[in-house]
Amino acid sequence: MRLSRTAVALFLSIALGLTLYLPLGPAVGGTGAAADPSGDPRSLQAKQVLADVQALLDGLTPQPSADPLEDGRSLTLALRDLRVLKEALPAAEQTEAEQILMRPGQPGDDYITQPLPLVRCAAVICVHYTERGNHAPRGSDGDPATTPSYIRKVRRTLQHVNDKYVAAGYRRPKADGGRGGQTDKVDVYIGDIGNEGLYGYCTSDDPNNPRQTGDYSVWAYCTLDDDYAAGEFPTNTPLENMRVTAAHEYFHAVQFGYDAYEDGWILESTATWAEDELFDKVNDNRNYLADSPLSAPRKSLDRFGGLYHYGAWIWWRYLTEEFQHETGGLPDLVLDVWRKLDGTPGAPNLYSTRGLARVLVQRETRLKREFALFSAANRHPASAYSEGGSRAYRPAAPAASVAVGPGARNPDAIDVRRNHLSSATVRFTPRETDQDDWRLRLALDLPRPARGSAAVVLLFKQGGGVRTEVVDLDATGAARTSVPFSTGAVRRVEVVLVNASTRFDCWKRTPFSCQGEPLDDDRRLTVDARAFRR
């Protein structure tokens, strides 16, 4: 789900709830759930999810979180969790949840309370709307025999989005059996949701219980704003906002047909990647680079919370520019990952990073290697990405930066600590090393490679260009290497220290892969540098 950046202040506490409350892993009902007088260990979780969803929909400010970087932008996933947990609520609150989860415009619906009696369908899309009241789209004339131009644009856009995904090999969203009035159609509801800062969301009223069926897929329906008015959405044009929102949310509907209960970070990061693939010129996704692996490499890639899981789209851009084979105009790699995550009966049903790791092995590489090279690419985005020259592609400051040479004391060894799927960069700048025979000797001391350790040395040349060298660590995590270091040839040397671990103790209700506790966090990474003449 995408929210207006002007609405971020409303959602400071919800991200913890969104990830911790999904109760489908093997550890459901185990330790970590607070006791409740009802006897159901999920009851307090369900109440918190209900309160968070109500805050999002009502425009209220939830109780601030201990971590101000956390926010609850993902209404799509909040509604998913509420649907799963509603049976753990007391009877009166179950009624509230059921009203929230009703389709927009239905009697009793707690959000878009006005009926949406009009419908216009394309081949696989039905758009529901009204021409009266505050939910009427722009161009409505009150005549049901005519179709507002905005509705035609929405219908045409959604059909294009569907056709593009299907041509690329994705299965179309699951049919809802006519729940929205038309058999085998995907229902999209139009209403004034922008006044709460909401671009759009998808959810489901599929009664499928994966505990009983072993099927983690569900059908979906979606809601989009009725005009994307500039006063509510000042970034991009109304048409651009509608298009990228349609692509993003419809990709959630596609994902739900594979596994609606997958890890939140991969649901949102691949949807943000997909919107830019379909509508490349809008570039709304660049706004999320301010909180992403590019700008905040110390955060774990698979962290769900705040805006970071949107900014993680840059990881998929890196991979799909590295592995470019396409079908129907879209890179195959992301589809191949979703096929590994597929939770329908008989499918692999792997969790996010495990499925990704399998796909990379099939491409004769490893997740650790690609994450290390990705971390290195983020040090020079202008030359590493096709659109990296944009000002939005700003690399993070290095974790440490020192000058080295005869006029500068050789630094002591530099230590950093990093969690899984994160990195740190140490920069060394030559000083008074004018002769061509100066070099920089590097000694690395990292945890064992079996725990995800990796390192890359980047040599930034005076004439432009960057040389990339993956360091060969021994079994203990140690390495020795040297690189040119004369001021005439080298602007700087950067050592990218990487913790690429994907080892987890799963189903512990954390905001990471498989809701797992990372097994290799807070690892010490050390580099020692000395300038010398050959």
Protein backbone atom coordinates (compact mmCIF):
# COMPACT_ATOMS: atom_id res chain seq x y z
CA MET A 1 0.00 0.00 0.00
CA ARG A 2 1.27 3.48 -0.85
CA LEU A 3 0.66 6.55 1.34
CA SER A 4 1.15 10.21 0.71
CA ARG A 5 4.38 11.38 2.24
CA THR A 6 2.36 14.18 3.84
CA ALA A 7 0.60 11.52 5.93
CA VAL A 8 3.69 9.86 7.39
CA ALA A 9 3.27 11.57 10.76
CA LEU A 10 0.05 9.65 11.30
CA PHE A 11 1.64 6.24 11.30
CA LEU A 12 4.54 6.17 13.76
CA SER A 13 3.78 2.99 15.70
CA ILE A 14 2.22 0.46 13.38
CA ALA A 15 5.16 -1.26 11.70
CA LEU A 16 5.95 -3.41 14.73
CA GLY A 17 2.39 -4.69 14.73
CA LEU A 18 2.30 -5.44 11.04
CA THR A 19 5.17 -7.85 11.12
CA LEU A 20 4.86 -9.34 14.54
CA TYR A 21 1.19 -10.16 14.36
CA LEU A 22 1.08 -12.42 11.33
CA PRO A 23 0.30 -15.78 13.00
CA LEU A 24 0.96 -18.39 10.34
CA GLY A 25 4.42 -19.68 11.17
CA PRO A 26 5.10 -22.85 13.16
CA ALA A 27 5.67 -20.78 16.32
CA VAL A 28 2.13 -19.39 16.41
CA GLY A 29 0.84 -19.16 19.95
CA GLY A 30 4.29 -19.81 21.39
CA THR A 31 6.49 -17.59 23.52
CA GLY A 32 6.43 -13.88 22.90
CA ALA A 33 2.63 -13.54 22.86
CA ALA A 34 1.22 -11.63 25.79
CA ALA A 35 -1.31 -13.36 28.01
CA ASP A 36 -4.94 -12.27 27.70
CA PRO A 37 -7.93 -12.92 29.97
CA SER A 38 -9.80 -14.44 27.03
CA GLY A 39 -7.31 -17.32 27.04
CA ASP A 40 -6.33 -16.72 23.41
CA PRO A 41 -2.66 -15.63 23.23
CA ARG A 42 -3.43 -13.86 19.95
CA SER A 43 -6.19 -11.66 21.41
CA LEU A 44 -3.99 -8.71 22.39
CA GLN A 45 -2.23 -8.90 19.05
CA ALA A 46 -5.57 -8.81 17.24
CA LYS A 47 -6.72 -5.82 19.30
CA GLN A 48 -3.54 -3.92 18.47
CA VAL A 49 -3.88 -4.63 14.76
CA LEU A 50 -7.52 -3.49 14.85
CA ALA A 51 -6.54 -0.27 16.63
CA ASP A 52 -3.74 0.39 14.16
CA VAL A 53 -5.98 -0.15 11.12
CA GLN A 54 -8.65 2.13 12.59
CA ALA A 55 -6.01 4.81 13.15
CA LEU A 56 -4.89 4.56 9.53
CA LEU A 57 -8.40 4.76 8.14
CA ASP A 58 -9.64 7.47 10.51
CA GLY A 59 -6.64 9.75 10.17
CA LEU A 60 -5.80 9.53 13.86
CA THR A 61 -2.28 9.54 15.24
CA PRO A 62 -1.40 6.19 16.83
CA GLN A 63 0.64 5.96 20.01
CA PRO A 64 4.23 6.83 19.01
CA SER A 65 6.63 3.95 18.71
CA ALA A 66 9.92 3.70 20.57
CA ASP A 67 11.63 3.80 17.18
CA PRO A 68 10.71 7.01 15.34
CA LEU A 69 11.83 5.44 12.08
CA GLU A 70 9.00 2.94 12.27
CA ASP A 71 5.73 3.80 10.61
CA GLY A 72 2.69 1.92 9.38
CA ARG A 73 2.47 2.80 5.73
CA SER A 74 1.40 -0.65 4.68
CA LEU A 75 -2.38 -0.71 5.04
CA THR A 76 -2.46 -3.61 2.58
CA LEU A 77 -0.52 -5.80 5.00
CA ALA A 78 -2.32 -4.41 8.05
CA LEU A 79 -5.65 -5.44 6.53
CA ARG A 80 -4.18 -8.83 5.72
CA ASP A 81 -3.21 -9.35 9.35
CA LEU A 82 -6.56 -8.11 10.61
CA ARG A 83 -8.35 -10.60 8.38
CA VAL A 84 -6.23 -13.43 9.76
CA LEU A 85 -6.57 -12.39 13.40
CA LYS A 86 -10.15 -11.15 13.61
CA GLU A 87 -11.45 -14.41 15.10
CA ALA A 88 -9.23 -13.81 18.14
CA LEU A 89 -11.13 -10.59 18.93
CA PRO A 90 -14.03 -10.33 21.37
CA ALA A 91 -17.44 -10.43 19.67
CA ALA A 92 -18.04 -6.68 19.59
CA GLU A 93 -14.60 -5.97 18.13
CA GLN A 94 -15.04 -8.78 15.62
CA THR A 95 -18.02 -6.85 14.31
CA GLU A 96 -15.86 -3.74 13.96
CA ALA A 97 -13.20 -5.72 12.10
CA GLU A 98 -15.77 -7.29 9.78
CA GLN A 99 -17.11 -3.84 8.90
CA ILE A 100 -13.63 -2.63 8.06
CA LEU A 101 -13.00 -5.71 5.94
CA MET A 102 -16.24 -5.35 3.95
CA ARG A 103 -15.89 -4.35 0.33
CA PRO A 104 -16.17 -0.58 -0.21
CA GLY A 105 -19.72 0.66 -0.73
CA GLN A 106 -21.41 -2.35 0.88
CA PRO A 107 -24.01 -1.76 3.60
CA GLY A 108 -22.18 -1.70 6.92
CA ASP A 109 -18.78 -0.93 5.42
CA ASP A 110 -16.91 1.22 7.92
CA TYR A 111 -14.83 3.27 5.48
CA ILE A 112 -16.40 4.06 2.10
CA THR A 113 -19.93 4.03 3.44
CA GLN A 114 -21.54 5.44 0.30
CA PRO A 115 -22.88 2.87 -2.21
CA LEU A 116 -20.82 2.38 -5.38
CA PRO A 117 -23.61 1.26 -7.72
CA LEU A 118 -21.91 1.82 -11.09
CA VAL A 119 -19.46 -0.58 -12.68
CA ARG A 120 -17.43 -0.55 -15.87
CA CYS A 121 -15.49 -3.67 -16.85
CA ALA A 122 -12.66 -4.53 -19.18
CA ALA A 123 -11.51 -8.06 -20.07
CA VAL A 124 -10.48 -9.00 -16.52
CA ILE A 125 -11.07 -5.75 -14.56
CA CYS A 126 -14.23 -4.25 -13.09
CA VAL A 127 -14.14 -0.67 -11.77
CA HIS A 128 -16.83 0.21 -9.20
CA TYR A 129 -17.74 3.84 -8.57
CA THR A 130 -20.50 6.38 -7.94
CA GLU A 131 -21.30 9.67 -9.64
CA ARG A 132 -22.84 11.24 -6.56
CA GLY A 133 -21.42 12.50 -3.28
CA ASN A 134 -17.84 12.98 -2.12
CA HIS A 135 -16.66 9.67 -3.63
CA ALA A 136 -17.63 10.67 -7.19
CA PRO A 137 -14.59 10.81 -9.49
CA ARG A 138 -13.65 13.88 -11.45
CA GLY A 139 -15.83 14.36 -14.53
CA SER A 140 -18.95 12.79 -13.01
CA ASP A 141 -22.17 14.26 -14.43
CA GLY A 142 -24.70 12.19 -12.49
CA ASP A 143 -25.78 10.31 -15.61
CA PRO A 144 -25.16 6.54 -15.20
CA ALA A 145 -25.40 6.12 -18.98
CA THR A 146 -22.13 7.99 -19.46
CA THR A 147 -18.69 7.06 -18.12
CA PRO A 148 -16.44 9.71 -16.54
CA SER A 149 -13.14 10.07 -18.33
CA TYR A 150 -11.29 9.26 -15.10
CA ILE A 151 -13.02 5.88 -14.85
CA ARG A 152 -12.09 5.11 -18.45
CA LYS A 153 -8.47 5.94 -17.69
CA VAL A 154 -8.46 3.76 -14.56
CA ARG A 155 -10.03 0.84 -16.40
CA ARG A 156 -7.63 1.17 -19.32
CA THR A 157 -4.62 1.49 -17.02
CA LEU A 158 -5.54 -1.55 -14.93
CA GLN A 159 -6.16 -3.70 -17.98
CA HIS A 160 -2.78 -2.65 -19.37
CA VAL A 161 -1.12 -3.47 -16.04
CA ASN A 162 -2.77 -6.89 -15.92
CA ASP A 163 -1.81 -7.67 -19.51
CA LYS A 164 1.78 -6.60 -18.91
CA TYR A 165 2.18 -8.84 -15.87
CA VAL A 166 0.53 -11.81 -17.59
CA ALA A 167 2.70 -11.36 -20.70
CA ALA A 168 5.75 -11.44 -18.43
CA GLY A 169 4.70 -14.86 -17.09
CA TYR A 170 2.90 -13.98 -13.84
CA ARG A 171 -0.39 -15.71 -13.19
CA ARG A 172 -3.28 -13.30 -13.07
CA PRO A 173 -4.93 -12.65 -9.68
CA LYS A 174 -7.21 -15.39 -8.41
CA ALA A 175 -10.88 -15.20 -9.37
CA ASP A 176 -13.26 -14.39 -6.54
CA GLY A 177 -16.19 -16.44 -7.85
CA GLY A 178 -18.32 -13.40 -8.52
CA ARG A 179 -17.99 -11.96 -5.01
CA GLY A 180 -17.84 -8.48 -6.56
CA GLY A 181 -20.69 -9.12 -8.96
CA GLN A 182 -18.78 -10.33 -12.03
CA THR A 183 -17.38 -13.85 -12.29
CA ASP A 184 -13.64 -14.10 -12.92
CA LYS A 185 -13.01 -10.36 -12.71
CA VAL A 186 -10.70 -8.39 -10.42
CA ASP A 187 -12.69 -5.70 -8.61
CA VAL A 188 -11.30 -2.22 -8.07
CA TYR A 189 -13.26 0.33 -6.04
CA ILE A 190 -12.95 4.09 -6.49
CA GLY A 191 -13.45 6.46 -3.56
CA ASP A 192 -12.10 9.57 -1.87
CA ILE A 193 -9.30 8.00 0.15
CA GLY A 194 -6.71 10.67 -0.62
CA ASN A 195 -8.12 12.87 2.13
CA GLU A 196 -6.48 10.43 4.57
CA GLY A 197 -3.21 10.39 2.64
CA LEU A 198 -3.92 6.98 1.08
CA TYR A 199 -2.94 6.35 -2.53
CA GLY A 200 -4.55 2.89 -2.58
CA TYR A 201 -4.59 -0.55 -1.06
CA CYS A 202 -5.51 -4.16 -1.77
CA THR A 203 -7.04 -6.71 0.56
CA SER A 204 -9.11 -9.90 0.41
CA ASP A 205 -12.35 -11.41 1.63
CA ASP A 206 -11.29 -14.88 0.56
CA PRO A 207 -12.50 -17.36 3.24
CA ASN A 208 -9.58 -19.71 2.52
CA ASN A 209 -7.84 -20.79 5.74
CA PRO A 210 -4.30 -21.94 4.91
CA ARG A 211 -4.09 -23.89 8.17
CA GLN A 212 -6.86 -26.11 6.85
CA THR A 213 -6.15 -26.10 3.11
CA GLY A 214 -2.37 -25.73 2.92
CA ASP A 215 -3.00 -23.00 0.32
CA TYR A 216 -1.48 -19.62 1.14
CA SER A 217 -2.93 -17.87 -1.90
CA VAL A 218 -6.06 -15.69 -1.81
CA TRP A 219 -7.99 -13.52 -4.23
CA ALA A 220 -7.77 -9.75 -3.89
CA TYR A 221 -9.73 -6.61 -4.53
CA CYS A 222 -8.29 -3.10 -4.52
CA THR A 223 -9.23 0.50 -3.81
CA LEU A 224 -7.86 3.59 -5.57
CA ASP A 225 -8.41 7.28 -4.97
CA ASP A 226 -11.10 9.08 -6.95
CA ASP A 227 -8.92 11.84 -8.42
CA TYR A 228 -5.38 12.01 -6.93
CA ALA A 229 -5.92 15.74 -6.56
CA ALA A 230 -2.77 17.84 -6.45
CA GLY A 231 -3.83 19.32 -3.12
CA GLU A 232 -3.67 15.84 -1.57
CA PHE A 233 -0.79 14.44 -3.66
CA PRO A 234 1.60 17.28 -4.58
CA THR A 235 4.25 15.00 -6.08
CA ASN A 236 3.70 13.96 -9.73
CA THR A 237 0.57 14.61 -11.77
CA PRO A 238 -2.80 13.03 -10.87
CA LEU A 239 -2.53 10.69 -13.87
CA GLU A 240 1.00 9.65 -12.96
CA ASN A 241 0.00 8.94 -9.37
CA MET A 242 -2.96 6.86 -10.50
CA ARG A 243 -0.81 4.84 -12.88
CA VAL A 244 2.02 3.98 -10.49
CA THR A 245 -0.47 3.23 -7.72
CA ALA A 246 -2.42 0.92 -10.03
CA ALA A 247 0.79 -0.91 -10.98
CA HIS A 248 1.94 -1.18 -7.36
CA GLU A 249 -1.37 -2.32 -5.89
CA TYR A 250 -2.22 -4.69 -8.71
CA PHE A 251 1.15 -6.34 -8.20
CA HIS A 252 0.01 -7.00 -4.63
CA ALA A 253 -3.09 -8.67 -6.08
CA VAL A 254 -0.78 -10.81 -8.23
CA GLN A 255 1.43 -11.62 -5.21
CA PHE A 256 -1.63 -12.69 -3.22
CA GLY A 257 -2.23 -15.33 -5.88
CA TYR A 258 1.16 -16.83 -4.98
CA ASP A 259 1.45 -16.26 -1.22
CA ALA A 260 -0.45 -13.51 0.58
CA TYR A 261 1.43 -14.28 3.81
CA GLU A 262 4.96 -13.80 2.52
CA ASP A 263 7.51 -11.61 4.31
CA GLY A 264 6.48 -7.96 4.24
CA TRP A 265 9.76 -6.59 2.92
CA ILE A 266 9.60 -8.62 -0.28
CA LEU A 267 5.91 -7.89 -0.85
CA GLU A 268 6.51 -4.14 -0.74
CA SER A 269 9.96 -3.92 -2.33
CA THR A 270 9.01 -5.97 -5.40
CA ALA A 271 5.73 -4.03 -5.80
CA THR A 272 7.68 -0.76 -5.71
CA TRP A 273 10.13 -2.19 -8.24
CA ALA A 274 7.25 -3.29 -10.50
CA GLU A 275 5.54 0.11 -10.57
CA ASP A 276 8.71 1.65 -12.00
CA GLU A 277 9.12 -1.12 -14.55
CA LEU A 278 5.65 -0.40 -15.95
CA PHE A 279 5.75 3.40 -15.71
CA ASP A 280 9.43 4.19 -15.81
CA LYS A 281 9.12 7.91 -16.51
CA VAL A 282 7.17 8.68 -13.32
CA ASN A 283 10.07 7.72 -11.01
CA ASP A 284 8.01 8.04 -7.84
CA ASN A 285 10.02 5.16 -6.40
CA ARG A 286 13.10 7.37 -6.30
CA ASN A 287 11.56 9.20 -3.35
CA TYR A 288 12.15 6.08 -1.24
CA LEU A 289 15.90 6.05 -1.90
CA ALA A 290 16.32 8.47 1.01
CA ASP A 291 15.72 5.47 3.30
CA SER A 292 17.11 2.49 1.45
CA PRO A 293 20.13 0.20 1.22
CA LEU A 294 21.70 2.94 -0.93
CA SER A 295 21.45 5.65 1.71
CA ALA A 296 21.29 3.49 4.86
CA PRO A 297 23.52 0.45 4.27
CA ARG A 298 23.75 -0.30 8.00
CA LYS A 299 20.09 -1.44 7.98
CA SER A 300 19.30 -5.04 7.10
CA LEU A 301 17.96 -5.47 3.57
CA ASP A 302 15.04 -7.62 4.75
CA ARG A 303 13.94 -5.22 7.48
CA PHE A 304 10.21 -4.46 7.38
CA GLY A 305 9.35 -1.11 8.90
CA GLY A 306 9.27 2.61 8.26
CA LEU A 307 9.81 3.46 4.61
CA TYR A 308 12.82 1.18 4.27
CA HIS A 309 11.01 -1.79 2.76
CA TYR A 310 9.91 0.49 -0.09
CA GLY A 311 13.46 1.75 -0.59
CA ALA A 312 14.66 -1.85 -0.86
CA TRP A 313 13.34 -1.83 -4.45
CA ILE A 314 16.88 -0.75 -5.42
CA TRP A 315 18.05 -4.30 -4.66
CA TRP A 316 15.75 -5.65 -7.38
CA ARG A 317 16.93 -2.95 -9.77
CA TYR A 318 20.51 -4.04 -9.18
CA LEU A 319 19.69 -7.73 -9.74
CA THR A 320 17.57 -7.18 -12.83
CA GLU A 321 20.22 -4.99 -14.42
CA GLU A 322 22.75 -7.72 -13.67
CA PHE A 323 20.49 -10.55 -14.90
CA GLN A 324 18.64 -8.93 -17.77
CA HIS A 325 16.79 -11.75 -19.50
CA GLU A 326 13.19 -10.67 -20.05
CA THR A 327 9.82 -12.08 -20.94
CA GLY A 328 7.10 -9.75 -22.13
CA GLY A 329 9.25 -6.71 -21.39
CA LEU A 330 9.88 -7.51 -17.71
CA PRO A 331 13.01 -9.15 -16.22
CA ASP A 332 12.50 -12.82 -15.38
CA LEU A 333 14.39 -12.80 -12.09
CA VAL A 334 11.64 -11.37 -9.88
CA LEU A 335 9.08 -13.77 -11.37
CA ASP A 336 11.43 -16.68 -10.71
CA VAL A 337 11.69 -15.59 -7.09
CA TRP A 338 7.90 -15.46 -6.70
CA ARG A 339 7.68 -18.94 -8.19
CA LYS A 340 9.95 -20.11 -5.37
CA LEU A 341 7.79 -18.31 -2.81
CA ASP A 342 4.60 -19.76 -4.28
CA GLY A 343 2.45 -21.07 -1.43
CA THR A 344 -0.21 -22.87 -3.44
CA PRO A 345 -0.48 -26.65 -2.87
CA GLY A 346 2.50 -28.53 -4.27
CA ALA A 347 4.57 -25.37 -4.86
CA PRO A 348 7.95 -24.70 -3.16
CA ASN A 349 6.54 -22.26 -0.54
CA LEU A 350 9.97 -20.93 0.46
CA TYR A 351 10.33 -17.75 2.49
CA SER A 352 11.77 -14.59 0.97
CA THR A 353 15.56 -14.81 1.27
CA ARG A 354 15.62 -18.59 0.91
CA GLY A 355 13.66 -18.43 -2.33
CA LEU A 356 15.90 -15.65 -3.62
CA ALA A 357 19.01 -17.65 -2.72
CA ARG A 358 17.73 -20.62 -4.76
CA VAL A 359 17.07 -18.42 -7.79
CA LEU A 360 20.57 -16.97 -7.65
CA VAL A 361 22.11 -20.44 -7.42
CA GLN A 362 20.23 -21.30 -10.61
CA ARG A 363 22.01 -18.33 -12.18
CA GLU A 364 25.36 -19.75 -11.09
CA THR A 365 26.00 -17.23 -8.35
CA ARG A 366 25.31 -16.84 -4.65
CA LEU A 367 23.25 -14.38 -2.63
CA LYS A 368 26.31 -13.47 -0.57
CA ARG A 369 28.33 -12.56 -3.64
CA GLU A 370 25.53 -10.53 -5.21
CA PHE A 371 24.78 -8.69 -1.99
CA ALA A 372 28.46 -7.80 -1.61
CA LEU A 373 28.62 -6.51 -5.19
CA PHE A 374 25.33 -4.66 -4.66
CA SER A 375 26.76 -2.99 -1.57
CA ALA A 376 29.80 -2.00 -3.61
CA ALA A 377 27.69 -0.72 -6.52
CA ASN A 378 25.89 1.57 -4.09
CA ARG A 379 29.17 3.38 -3.51
CA HIS A 380 29.20 4.64 -7.12
CA PRO A 381 25.58 4.61 -8.33
CA ALA A 382 26.16 6.96 -11.25
CA SER A 383 28.23 4.32 -13.02
CA ALA A 384 26.55 1.25 -11.49
CA TYR A 385 22.89 1.89 -12.42
CA SER A 386 21.27 2.85 -15.69
CA GLU A 387 19.51 5.77 -13.97
CA GLY A 388 22.17 6.27 -11.31
CA GLY A 389 23.04 9.75 -12.53
CA SER A 390 19.87 11.06 -10.92
CA ARG A 391 20.38 13.23 -7.84
CA ALA A 392 18.11 10.83 -5.94
CA TYR A 393 20.84 8.16 -6.13
CA ARG A 394 22.95 9.52 -3.28
CA PRO A 395 25.32 7.07 -1.61
CA ALA A 396 25.72 7.06 2.14
CA ALA A 397 28.69 8.64 3.81
CA PRO A 398 31.41 6.09 4.64
CA ALA A 399 31.46 4.65 8.14
CA ALA A 400 35.05 5.93 8.47
CA SER A 401 37.34 8.05 6.31
CA VAL A 402 41.07 8.54 6.83
CA ALA A 403 44.02 9.90 4.89
CA VAL A 404 47.03 7.61 4.57
CA GLY A 405 50.59 8.30 3.42
CA PRO A 406 53.98 9.52 4.57
CA GLY A 407 52.44 12.85 5.64
CA ALA A 408 49.65 11.16 7.57
CA ARG A 409 50.01 8.66 10.38
CA ASN A 410 48.89 5.20 9.36
CA PRO A 411 45.57 4.67 11.13
CA ASP A 412 44.90 2.08 13.73
CA ALA A 413 42.78 -0.85 12.64
CA ILE A 414 39.19 0.26 12.06
CA ASP A 415 36.39 -1.79 13.55
CA VAL A 416 32.71 -1.67 12.66
CA ARG A 417 29.81 -3.87 13.72
CA ARG A 418 27.03 -4.83 11.36
CA ASN A 419 23.87 -6.93 11.39
CA HIS A 420 22.82 -9.42 8.72
CA LEU A 421 22.36 -8.22 5.12
CA SER A 422 24.05 -4.90 5.77
CA SER A 423 27.41 -3.31 5.05
CA ALA A 424 29.89 -0.61 6.06
CA THR A 425 32.40 1.28 3.94
CA VAL A 426 35.83 2.49 5.09
CA ARG A 427 37.47 5.11 2.86
CA PHE A 428 41.23 5.61 2.51
CA THR A 429 42.50 8.71 0.71
CA PRO A 430 46.15 8.90 -0.45
CA ARG A 431 48.22 11.81 0.83
CA GLU A 432 51.71 12.73 -0.41
CA THR A 433 52.07 9.43 -2.27
CA ASP A 434 53.23 11.08 -5.50
CA GLN A 435 55.46 8.31 -6.85
CA ASP A 436 53.90 5.59 -8.95
CA ASP A 437 55.18 2.78 -6.74
CA TRP A 438 53.00 3.59 -3.71
CA ARG A 439 50.53 0.94 -2.71
CA LEU A 440 47.99 0.37 0.07
CA ARG A 441 48.23 -2.87 2.01
CA LEU A 442 44.92 -4.05 3.49
CA ALA A 443 44.50 -6.62 6.24
CA LEU A 444 40.95 -7.80 6.87
CA ASP A 445 39.62 -9.70 9.86
CA LEU A 446 35.97 -10.72 9.52
CA PRO A 447 33.81 -13.55 10.88
CA ARG A 448 33.95 -16.83 9.02
CA PRO A 449 32.54 -16.66 5.47
CA ALA A 450 30.11 -19.41 6.49
CA ARG A 451 28.45 -16.71 8.60
CA GLY A 452 28.01 -14.41 5.61
CA SER A 453 31.20 -12.37 5.66
CA ALA A 454 32.40 -10.78 2.43
CA ALA A 455 34.46 -7.77 1.38
CA VAL A 456 34.96 -5.73 -1.78
CA VAL A 457 37.73 -3.24 -2.54
CA LEU A 458 36.89 -0.31 -4.80
CA LEU A 459 39.67 1.72 -6.44
CA PHE A 460 38.44 5.12 -7.65
CA LYS A 461 40.76 6.24 -10.44
CA GLN A 462 41.89 9.81 -11.02
CA GLY A 463 40.81 9.74 -14.64
CA GLY A 464 37.40 8.39 -13.77
CA GLY A 465 36.16 4.85 -13.47
CA VAL A 466 36.10 2.38 -10.63
CA ARG A 467 37.91 -0.93 -10.31
CA THR A 468 36.07 -3.57 -8.27
CA GLU A 469 37.86 -6.44 -6.54
CA VAL A 470 36.06 -9.08 -4.50
CA VAL A 471 38.38 -10.07 -1.66
CA ASP A 472 39.11 -13.76 -1.25
CA LEU A 473 38.65 -14.47 2.47
CA ASP A 474 40.12 -17.58 4.02
CA ALA A 475 38.04 -19.99 6.09
CA THR A 476 38.53 -17.87 9.23
CA GLY A 477 37.47 -14.63 7.52
CA ALA A 478 40.97 -13.16 7.18
CA ALA A 479 42.55 -11.75 4.02
CA ARG A 480 45.58 -9.75 2.85
CA THR A 481 45.68 -7.74 -0.36
CA SER A 482 47.18 -4.56 -1.78
CA VAL A 483 46.15 -2.01 -4.40
CA PRO A 484 47.79 0.97 -6.16
CA PHE A 485 47.79 4.10 -4.01
CA SER A 486 49.67 6.88 -5.77
CA THR A 487 47.96 10.28 -5.87
CA GLY A 488 48.58 10.49 -9.61
CA ALA A 489 46.46 7.42 -10.31
CA VAL A 490 44.10 6.99 -7.37
CA ARG A 491 41.51 9.36 -5.88
CA ARG A 492 40.56 7.01 -3.06
CA VAL A 493 40.23 3.39 -2.04
CA GLU A 494 37.05 2.15 -0.36
CA VAL A 495 36.74 -1.15 1.46
CA VAL A 496 33.16 -2.40 1.66
CA LEU A 497 32.76 -4.74 4.64
CA VAL A 498 29.72 -6.98 4.33
CA ASN A 499 27.61 -9.14 6.61
CA ALA A 500 25.50 -11.07 4.08
CA SER A 501 24.22 -13.70 6.51
CA THR A 502 20.79 -15.21 5.82
CA ARG A 503 20.76 -17.60 8.78
CA PHE A 504 17.61 -17.31 10.93
CA ASP A 505 15.80 -19.05 13.72
CA CYS A 506 12.41 -18.73 12.06
CA TRP A 507 8.92 -17.86 13.31
CA LYS A 508 9.93 -15.67 16.25
CA ARG A 509 7.78 -12.71 15.17
CA THR A 510 10.57 -10.35 14.15
CA PRO A 511 10.48 -7.88 11.22
CA PHE A 512 12.93 -9.97 9.17
CA SER A 513 12.86 -12.97 6.84
CA CYS A 514 10.59 -15.80 8.02
CA GLN A 515 9.85 -13.63 11.08
CA GLY A 516 13.12 -15.07 12.31
CA GLU A 517 15.78 -14.12 14.79
CA PRO A 518 19.00 -13.44 12.85
CA LEU A 519 21.83 -15.70 13.95
CA ASP A 520 24.71 -13.48 12.85
CA ASP A 521 23.90 -9.95 13.96
CA ASP A 522 26.27 -7.47 15.58
CA ARG A 523 29.34 -9.03 13.96
CA ARG A 524 32.70 -7.30 14.19
CA LEU A 525 34.39 -6.41 10.87
CA THR A 526 37.95 -5.05 10.92
CA VAL A 527 40.25 -3.52 8.32
CA ASP A 528 43.83 -2.37 8.84
CA ALA A 529 45.56 -0.23 6.17
CA ARG A 530 49.21 0.68 5.60
CA ALA A 531 50.71 2.71 2.75
CA PHE A 532 54.04 1.43 1.44
CA ARG A 533 56.37 1.70 -1.56
CA ARG A 534 56.94 -1.36 -3.60
